Amino acid sequence: MTLVVDRLLAERVHEGNPVRVVMAGCVFMGRGLVNHIVYSVPCVAMAAIAVRSPDKAFKALVDADVHDAAGGAGPIAGWRSTRPDRERVGR
């Protein structure tokens, strides 16, 4: 069963159609989950983060080295890589 799921997920990545995840809230554990998804799960992409305070979501994305995020105020202002030594998996 696992091999079948892995194959299907790999096909989605190859087609440019990863599984998209939406997160509600983004405090300490949420930031860790964003980082894990971005760096360790090539078949999953962060689609959105719903929070009351957009700064928390942007901080999580910047910490995970995601630079193409946008919100109600537009793209992340003044973005720069905080972890140039880390390579994103599957991106």
N, C-alpha and C. Protein backbone atom coordinates (compact mmCIF):
# COMPACT_ATOMS: atom_id res chain seq x y z
N MET A 1 0.83 -1.19 0.00
CA MET A 1 0.00 0.00 0.00
C MET A 1 0.87 1.26 0.00
N THR A 2 1.89 1.28 0.82
CA THR A 2 2.76 2.46 0.92
C THR A 2 3.44 2.73 -0.41
N LEU A 3 3.88 1.70 -1.11
CA LEU A 3 4.54 1.89 -2.39
C LEU A 3 3.60 2.50 -3.42
N VAL A 4 2.33 2.11 -3.37
CA VAL A 4 1.34 2.66 -4.30
C VAL A 4 1.14 4.15 -4.01
N VAL A 5 0.99 4.50 -2.74
CA VAL A 5 0.81 5.90 -2.35
C VAL A 5 2.04 6.71 -2.73
N ASP A 6 3.22 6.19 -2.46
CA ASP A 6 4.45 6.90 -2.82
C ASP A 6 4.53 7.13 -4.32
N ARG A 7 4.15 6.15 -5.10
CA ARG A 7 4.18 6.29 -6.56
C ARG A 7 3.20 7.35 -7.03
N LEU A 8 1.99 7.34 -6.47
CA LEU A 8 0.98 8.32 -6.85
C LEU A 8 1.40 9.74 -6.46
N LEU A 9 2.01 9.89 -5.29
CA LEU A 9 2.50 11.20 -4.87
C LEU A 9 3.63 11.68 -5.77
N ALA A 10 4.53 10.77 -6.14
CA ALA A 10 5.63 11.13 -7.04
C ALA A 10 5.09 11.58 -8.40
N GLU A 11 4.03 10.93 -8.87
CA GLU A 11 3.41 11.34 -10.14
C GLU A 11 2.85 12.75 -10.04
N ARG A 12 2.21 13.07 -8.92
CA ARG A 12 1.66 14.42 -8.73
C ARG A 12 2.76 15.46 -8.75
N VAL A 13 3.88 15.17 -8.10
CA VAL A 13 5.00 16.11 -8.09
C VAL A 13 5.52 16.30 -9.51
N HIS A 14 5.67 15.21 -10.23
CA HIS A 14 6.17 15.27 -11.60
C HIS A 14 5.24 16.09 -12.50
N GLU A 15 3.94 16.00 -12.25
CA GLU A 15 2.96 16.75 -13.02
C GLU A 15 2.83 18.20 -12.57
N GLY A 16 3.56 18.56 -11.50
CA GLY A 16 3.46 19.93 -10.97
C GLY A 16 2.17 20.16 -10.20
N ASN A 17 1.62 19.11 -9.62
CA ASN A 17 0.36 19.19 -8.91
C ASN A 17 0.50 18.56 -7.52
N PRO A 18 1.31 19.18 -6.64
CA PRO A 18 1.49 18.58 -5.31
C PRO A 18 0.23 18.70 -4.46
N VAL A 19 0.17 17.93 -3.39
CA VAL A 19 -0.91 18.04 -2.42
C VAL A 19 -0.74 19.40 -1.74
N ARG A 20 -1.81 20.17 -1.69
CA ARG A 20 -1.73 21.51 -1.10
C ARG A 20 -2.32 21.48 0.31
N VAL A 21 -1.62 22.10 1.24
CA VAL A 21 -2.02 22.10 2.65
C VAL A 21 -2.40 23.52 3.05
N VAL A 22 -3.50 23.64 3.78
CA VAL A 22 -3.91 24.91 4.37
C VAL A 22 -3.82 24.76 5.88
N MET A 23 -3.17 25.71 6.54
CA MET A 23 -2.99 25.63 7.98
C MET A 23 -3.81 26.72 8.66
N ALA A 24 -4.49 26.37 9.73
CA ALA A 24 -5.23 27.35 10.54
C ALA A 24 -4.43 27.62 11.79
N GLY A 25 -3.94 28.84 11.93
CA GLY A 25 -3.10 29.20 13.07
C GLY A 25 -1.65 28.90 12.78
N CYS A 26 -0.78 29.68 13.37
CA CYS A 26 0.64 29.46 13.11
C CYS A 26 1.48 29.99 14.27
N VAL A 27 1.43 29.28 15.38
CA VAL A 27 2.30 29.65 16.50
C VAL A 27 3.48 28.69 16.50
N PHE A 28 4.07 28.40 17.62
CA PHE A 28 5.33 27.65 17.67
C PHE A 28 5.29 26.33 16.89
N MET A 29 4.32 25.47 17.17
CA MET A 29 4.25 24.17 16.48
C MET A 29 3.93 24.35 15.00
N GLY A 30 3.12 25.34 14.68
CA GLY A 30 2.79 25.61 13.28
C GLY A 30 4.01 26.03 12.49
N ARG A 31 4.88 26.85 13.09
CA ARG A 31 6.12 27.24 12.40
C ARG A 31 6.98 26.03 12.12
N GLY A 32 7.03 25.11 13.07
CA GLY A 32 7.79 23.87 12.86
C GLY A 32 7.20 23.02 11.75
N LEU A 33 5.87 22.97 11.67
CA LEU A 33 5.21 22.19 10.63
C LEU A 33 5.46 22.81 9.25
N VAL A 34 5.40 24.13 9.15
CA VAL A 34 5.70 24.80 7.88
C VAL A 34 7.11 24.45 7.43
N ASN A 35 8.05 24.55 8.35
CA ASN A 35 9.46 24.24 8.04
C ASN A 35 9.59 22.78 7.58
N HIS A 36 8.92 21.88 8.25
CA HIS A 36 8.99 20.46 7.89
C HIS A 36 8.42 20.22 6.50
N ILE A 37 7.27 20.82 6.21
CA ILE A 37 6.64 20.63 4.90
C ILE A 37 7.53 21.18 3.79
N VAL A 38 8.07 22.37 3.98
CA VAL A 38 8.89 23.01 2.94
C VAL A 38 10.16 22.23 2.66
N TYR A 39 10.82 21.73 3.70
CA TYR A 39 12.13 21.09 3.52
C TYR A 39 12.10 19.58 3.39
N SER A 40 11.06 18.92 3.90
CA SER A 40 11.14 17.46 4.01
C SER A 40 10.07 16.68 3.26
N VAL A 41 9.04 17.35 2.78
CA VAL A 41 7.94 16.63 2.15
C VAL A 41 7.75 17.17 0.72
N PRO A 42 8.46 16.60 -0.25
CA PRO A 42 8.42 17.15 -1.61
C PRO A 42 7.07 17.05 -2.31
N CYS A 43 6.19 16.19 -1.85
CA CYS A 43 4.90 16.01 -2.52
C CYS A 43 3.81 16.91 -1.93
N VAL A 44 4.16 17.75 -0.96
CA VAL A 44 3.19 18.61 -0.30
C VAL A 44 3.67 20.06 -0.39
N ALA A 45 2.74 20.98 -0.65
CA ALA A 45 3.07 22.40 -0.73
C ALA A 45 2.14 23.18 0.19
N MET A 46 2.67 24.21 0.84
CA MET A 46 1.86 25.09 1.66
C MET A 46 1.03 25.97 0.72
N ALA A 47 -0.28 25.89 0.81
CA ALA A 47 -1.16 26.70 -0.05
C ALA A 47 -1.58 27.98 0.65
N ALA A 48 -1.84 27.89 1.96
CA ALA A 48 -2.28 29.07 2.69
C ALA A 48 -2.12 28.86 4.19
N ILE A 49 -2.00 29.97 4.89
CA ILE A 49 -1.99 29.94 6.35
C ILE A 49 -3.01 30.99 6.80
N ALA A 50 -4.03 30.55 7.52
CA ALA A 50 -5.06 31.46 8.01
C ALA A 50 -4.76 31.81 9.46
N VAL A 51 -4.52 33.08 9.72
CA VAL A 51 -4.18 33.54 11.06
C VAL A 51 -4.82 34.90 11.33
N ARG A 52 -4.95 35.24 12.60
CA ARG A 52 -5.44 36.57 12.95
C ARG A 52 -4.35 37.61 12.78
N SER A 53 -3.10 37.19 12.95
CA SER A 53 -1.95 38.09 12.85
C SER A 53 -1.06 37.63 11.70
N PRO A 54 -1.17 38.27 10.52
CA PRO A 54 -0.38 37.84 9.36
C PRO A 54 1.12 37.82 9.61
N ASP A 55 1.62 38.64 10.53
CA ASP A 55 3.05 38.65 10.82
C ASP A 55 3.54 37.28 11.26
N LYS A 56 2.72 36.53 11.99
CA LYS A 56 3.13 35.20 12.44
C LYS A 56 3.26 34.24 11.26
N ALA A 57 2.34 34.31 10.32
CA ALA A 57 2.42 33.45 9.14
C ALA A 57 3.62 33.82 8.29
N PHE A 58 3.85 35.12 8.08
CA PHE A 58 5.00 35.55 7.29
C PHE A 58 6.31 35.15 7.96
N LYS A 59 6.36 35.23 9.30
CA LYS A 59 7.57 34.82 10.01
C LYS A 59 7.84 33.34 9.78
N ALA A 60 6.81 32.52 9.84
CA ALA A 60 6.98 31.09 9.60
C ALA A 60 7.49 30.83 8.19
N LEU A 61 6.95 31.54 7.21
CA LEU A 61 7.37 31.35 5.82
C LEU A 61 8.79 31.85 5.59
N VAL A 62 9.13 32.99 6.16
CA VAL A 62 10.49 33.52 6.02
C VAL A 62 11.48 32.58 6.70
N ASP A 63 11.13 32.08 7.88
CA ASP A 63 12.01 31.13 8.58
C ASP A 63 12.23 29.86 7.75
N ALA A 64 11.23 29.48 6.95
CA ALA A 64 11.34 28.29 6.10
C ALA A 64 11.93 28.64 4.73
N ASP A 65 12.34 29.90 4.56
CA ASP A 65 12.99 30.35 3.33
C ASP A 65 12.05 30.36 2.13
N VAL A 66 10.77 30.61 2.39
CA VAL A 66 9.78 30.74 1.31
C VAL A 66 9.70 32.22 0.98
N HIS A 67 10.02 32.58 -0.24
CA HIS A 67 10.06 34.01 -0.60
C HIS A 67 8.96 34.44 -1.55
N ASP A 68 8.11 33.54 -2.01
CA ASP A 68 7.08 33.91 -2.95
C ASP A 68 5.69 33.97 -2.31
N ALA A 69 5.63 34.25 -1.02
CA ALA A 69 4.35 34.32 -0.32
C ALA A 69 3.76 35.72 -0.46
N ALA A 70 2.45 35.78 -0.43
CA ALA A 70 1.75 37.05 -0.48
C ALA A 70 0.54 36.98 0.44
N GLY A 71 0.13 38.10 0.92
CA GLY A 71 -1.04 38.16 1.78
C GLY A 71 -1.89 39.34 1.40
N GLY A 72 -2.73 39.76 2.33
CA GLY A 72 -3.59 40.91 2.07
C GLY A 72 -2.79 42.16 1.75
N ALA A 73 -1.58 42.26 2.27
CA ALA A 73 -0.75 43.44 2.05
C ALA A 73 0.22 43.24 0.89
N GLY A 74 0.18 42.09 0.22
CA GLY A 74 1.08 41.83 -0.90
C GLY A 74 2.25 40.96 -0.49
N PRO A 75 3.30 40.90 -1.32
CA PRO A 75 4.46 40.04 -1.03
C PRO A 75 5.16 40.46 0.25
N ILE A 76 5.94 39.56 0.78
CA ILE A 76 6.71 39.84 1.99
C ILE A 76 7.70 40.96 1.69
N ALA A 77 7.61 42.03 2.45
CA ALA A 77 8.50 43.18 2.22
C ALA A 77 9.88 42.91 2.79
N GLY A 78 10.90 43.25 2.04
CA GLY A 78 12.27 43.14 2.54
C GLY A 78 12.73 41.71 2.76
N TRP A 79 12.16 40.76 2.02
CA TRP A 79 12.54 39.38 2.23
C TRP A 79 13.98 39.14 1.83
N ARG A 80 14.67 38.37 2.62
CA ARG A 80 15.99 37.88 2.26
C ARG A 80 16.16 36.53 2.91
N SER A 81 16.94 35.67 2.29
CA SER A 81 17.13 34.33 2.80
C SER A 81 17.79 34.38 4.17
N THR A 82 17.19 33.67 5.12
CA THR A 82 17.78 33.60 6.45
C THR A 82 18.61 32.34 6.62
N ARG A 83 18.46 31.40 5.67
CA ARG A 83 19.17 30.13 5.76
C ARG A 83 19.72 29.74 4.39
N PRO A 84 20.69 30.47 3.89
CA PRO A 84 21.21 30.15 2.55
C PRO A 84 21.90 28.79 2.46
N ASP A 85 22.28 28.22 3.60
CA ASP A 85 22.98 26.94 3.60
C ASP A 85 22.03 25.75 3.48
N ARG A 86 20.70 25.99 3.62
CA ARG A 86 19.74 24.89 3.57
C ARG A 86 19.13 24.78 2.20
N GLU A 87 19.00 23.57 1.73
CA GLU A 87 18.43 23.33 0.41
C GLU A 87 17.02 22.79 0.57
N ARG A 88 16.06 23.35 -0.17
CA ARG A 88 14.69 22.87 -0.10
C ARG A 88 14.57 21.60 -0.92
N VAL A 89 13.88 20.61 -0.35
CA VAL A 89 13.72 19.31 -0.99
C VAL A 89 12.59 19.36 -2.00
N GLY A 90 12.86 18.90 -3.21
CA GLY A 90 11.81 18.75 -4.20
C GLY A 90 11.25 20.03 -4.76
N ARG A 91 11.94 21.13 -4.61
CA ARG A 91 11.44 22.41 -5.11
C ARG A 91 12.36 22.95 -6.16
